[in-house]
Each structure stands twice: as C-alpha cells, then as structure tokens.
Amino acid sequence: MSDPFALSQPTVDSLGSRGAVIVPSDDTDLDPVAKAVTVLDTTGGADLVILPKGNADGKWLTYSGVSVGFTTVHAVRRVGVGTTCTVASVDG
C-alpha cells in the first residue's frame, strides 16, 4: 500500500496514526497520553468523562449526550469510570 504520509513528521495538529479502545480508569493515565479520544459506540450510554493532559487529578471534564464520532479537543491523559460510551484513543 502506498503511504503519501510516510515522510511526514507527526505534530500536535496532525491526524493520529494509531488508536486503541480505552478501558476507563480513575487512577491510571493513558500511556501514551492521547492526542484526543473519539466515541465509537453509545449503546451503553452517552457520557464521556476525561482528564485533560494539563489538568490536575480530580479536575475532570464531563461531556453528556455525546454521539458516535464525537472527538475531544483536548489531549487526554485519563478516561474516567463515569464514561458510559465506548471510546478509542487518537495516538501518534
């Protein structure tokens, strides 16, 4: 497969090149910190609880009523257990 982006250097503004489904945790940071997280499924609910990269522990942001395809504008270091939707990291 031809990759027109093979020689491009990743930046904070570039698209992600990897991703993984996230298991929410109130205690464990993502490794690596995700550029963003994106919603894959809302069958189990539509709440997303994140701890942005620069926020102190306990300074959560809650998005209520998210839809599939919603993507955060924050780099994310943790996805909280109050999250009821399925999300994936945007990495790389």
C-alpha atoms as a PDB file:
ATOM      1  CA  MET A   1       0.000   0.000   0.000  1.00  0.00           C
ATOM      2  CA  SER A   2       1.305   3.421  -0.926  1.00  0.00           C
ATOM      3  CA  ASP A   3       1.531   5.839   2.022  1.00  0.00           C
ATOM      4  CA  PRO A   4       1.640   9.502   0.976  1.00  0.00           C
ATOM      5  CA  PHE A   5       2.325  10.470   4.606  1.00  0.00           C
ATOM      6  CA  ALA A   6       5.336   8.169   5.135  1.00  0.00           C
ATOM      7  CA  LEU A   7       7.831  11.036   5.218  1.00  0.00           C
ATOM      8  CA  SER A   8       5.641  13.398   7.265  1.00  0.00           C
ATOM      9  CA  GLN A   9       6.662  14.147  10.830  1.00  0.00           C
ATOM     10  CA  PRO A  10       3.819  13.938  13.363  1.00  0.00           C
ATOM     11  CA  THR A  11       2.818  17.203  15.030  1.00  0.00           C
ATOM     12  CA  VAL A  12       0.259  18.117  17.646  1.00  0.00           C
ATOM     13  CA  ASP A  13      -2.076  19.145  14.795  1.00  0.00           C
ATOM     14  CA  SER A  14      -1.571  16.098  12.577  1.00  0.00           C
ATOM     15  CA  LEU A  15      -4.024  13.232  12.324  1.00  0.00           C
ATOM     16  CA  GLY A  16      -3.457  10.228  14.542  1.00  0.00           C
ATOM     17  CA  SER A  17      -1.669   7.215  13.128  1.00  0.00           C
ATOM     18  CA  ARG A  18      -2.676   4.723  15.848  1.00  0.00           C
ATOM     19  CA  GLY A  19      -5.599   4.115  18.161  1.00  0.00           C
ATOM     20  CA  ALA A  20      -6.909   1.666  20.725  1.00  0.00           C
ATOM     21  CA  VAL A  21     -10.129   1.098  22.632  1.00  0.00           C
ATOM     22  CA  ILE A  22      -9.786   2.555  26.132  1.00  0.00           C
ATOM     23  CA  VAL A  23     -10.801   0.856  29.381  1.00  0.00           C
ATOM     24  CA  PRO A  24     -11.855   3.703  31.705  1.00  0.00           C
ATOM     25  CA  SER A  25      -9.901   4.166  34.940  1.00  0.00           C
ATOM     26  CA  ASP A  26      -9.993   6.899  37.574  1.00  0.00           C
ATOM     27  CA  ASP A  27      -6.424   6.077  38.622  1.00  0.00           C
ATOM     28  CA  THR A  28      -4.326   5.085  35.601  1.00  0.00           C
ATOM     29  CA  ASP A  29      -3.082   7.548  32.982  1.00  0.00           C
ATOM     30  CA  LEU A  30      -3.077   6.580  29.314  1.00  0.00           C
ATOM     31  CA  ASP A  31       0.370   5.664  28.028  1.00  0.00           C
ATOM     32  CA  PRO A  32       0.992   7.498  25.842  1.00  0.00           C
ATOM     33  CA  VAL A  33      -1.257  10.484  26.524  1.00  0.00           C
ATOM     34  CA  ALA A  34      -3.795  10.553  23.677  1.00  0.00           C
ATOM     35  CA  LYS A  35      -3.968  13.477  21.232  1.00  0.00           C
ATOM     36  CA  ALA A  36      -7.725  13.088  21.656  1.00  0.00           C
ATOM     37  CA  VAL A  37     -10.337  10.412  22.235  1.00  0.00           C
ATOM     38  CA  THR A  38     -13.171   9.606  19.862  1.00  0.00           C
ATOM     39  CA  VAL A  39     -16.531   7.990  20.571  1.00  0.00           C
ATOM     40  CA  LEU A  40     -17.081   4.623  18.866  1.00  0.00           C
ATOM     41  CA  ASP A  41     -20.374   3.434  20.374  1.00  0.00           C
ATOM     42  CA  THR A  42     -23.126   4.891  22.562  1.00  0.00           C
ATOM     43  CA  THR A  43     -25.240   1.756  23.056  1.00  0.00           C
ATOM     44  CA  GLY A  44     -24.277   1.648  26.762  1.00  0.00           C
ATOM     45  CA  GLY A  45     -24.706   5.393  27.280  1.00  0.00           C
ATOM     46  CA  ALA A  46     -23.545   8.752  26.006  1.00  0.00           C
ATOM     47  CA  ASP A  47     -21.406  10.243  28.783  1.00  0.00           C
ATOM     48  CA  LEU A  48     -17.680  10.842  28.385  1.00  0.00           C
ATOM     49  CA  VAL A  49     -15.530  11.774  31.393  1.00  0.00           C
ATOM     50  CA  ILE A  50     -11.949  12.853  30.669  1.00  0.00           C
ATOM     51  CA  LEU A  51      -8.949  14.267  32.473  1.00  0.00           C
ATOM     52  CA  PRO A  52      -7.138  16.565  30.021  1.00  0.00           C
ATOM     53  CA  LYS A  53      -3.349  16.336  29.864  1.00  0.00           C
ATOM     54  CA  GLY A  54      -2.797  19.601  31.755  1.00  0.00           C
ATOM     55  CA  ASN A  55      -5.488  19.203  34.419  1.00  0.00           C
ATOM     56  CA  ALA A  56      -4.682  18.244  37.993  1.00  0.00           C
ATOM     57  CA  ASP A  57      -6.061  14.993  39.406  1.00  0.00           C
ATOM     58  CA  GLY A  58      -9.757  15.416  40.164  1.00  0.00           C
ATOM     59  CA  LYS A  59     -10.303  18.193  37.588  1.00  0.00           C
ATOM     60  CA  TRP A  60     -12.467  16.061  35.273  1.00  0.00           C
ATOM     61  CA  LEU A  61     -14.466  17.301  32.293  1.00  0.00           C
ATOM     62  CA  THR A  62     -17.785  15.591  31.580  1.00  0.00           C
ATOM     63  CA  TYR A  63     -19.418  15.592  28.159  1.00  0.00           C
ATOM     64  CA  SER A  64     -23.061  14.482  28.315  1.00  0.00           C
ATOM     65  CA  GLY A  65     -25.077  13.199  25.375  1.00  0.00           C
ATOM     66  CA  VAL A  66     -22.151  12.612  23.026  1.00  0.00           C
ATOM     67  CA  SER A  67     -22.689  10.992  19.630  1.00  0.00           C
ATOM     68  CA  VAL A  68     -20.662   8.416  17.734  1.00  0.00           C
ATOM     69  CA  GLY A  69     -17.785  10.256  16.062  1.00  0.00           C
ATOM     70  CA  PHE A  70     -17.509  12.945  18.753  1.00  0.00           C
ATOM     71  CA  THR A  71     -13.823  13.729  19.281  1.00  0.00           C
ATOM     72  CA  THR A  72     -12.405  15.790  22.137  1.00  0.00           C
ATOM     73  CA  VAL A  73     -10.469  18.987  21.526  1.00  0.00           C
ATOM     74  CA  HIS A  74      -8.188  18.186  24.476  1.00  0.00           C
ATOM     75  CA  ALA A  75      -5.194  15.899  24.736  1.00  0.00           C
ATOM     76  CA  VAL A  76      -6.379  13.261  27.221  1.00  0.00           C
ATOM     77  CA  ARG A  77      -4.384  11.579  29.970  1.00  0.00           C
ATOM     78  CA  ARG A  78      -7.229   9.641  31.596  1.00  0.00           C
ATOM     79  CA  VAL A  79     -10.771   8.468  30.783  1.00  0.00           C
ATOM     80  CA  GLY A  80     -12.883   8.183  33.926  1.00  0.00           C
ATOM     81  CA  VAL A  81     -15.077   5.292  35.059  1.00  0.00           C
ATOM     82  CA  GLY A  82     -18.139   7.532  34.725  1.00  0.00           C
ATOM     83  CA  THR A  83     -17.761   7.116  30.965  1.00  0.00           C
ATOM     84  CA  THR A  84     -20.699   5.126  29.595  1.00  0.00           C
ATOM     85  CA  CYS A  85     -19.795   5.162  25.881  1.00  0.00           C
ATOM     86  CA  THR A  86     -17.038   3.208  24.133  1.00  0.00           C
ATOM     87  CA  VAL A  87     -14.059   5.390  23.210  1.00  0.00           C
ATOM     88  CA  ALA A  88     -10.723   4.990  21.451  1.00  0.00           C
ATOM     89  CA  SER A  89      -7.505   6.940  21.687  1.00  0.00           C
ATOM     90  CA  VAL A  90      -6.118   9.040  18.852  1.00  0.00           C
ATOM     91  CA  ASP A  91      -2.343   8.473  19.047  1.00  0.00           C
ATOM     92  CA  GLY A  92       0.792   9.205  17.068  1.00  0.00           C
END
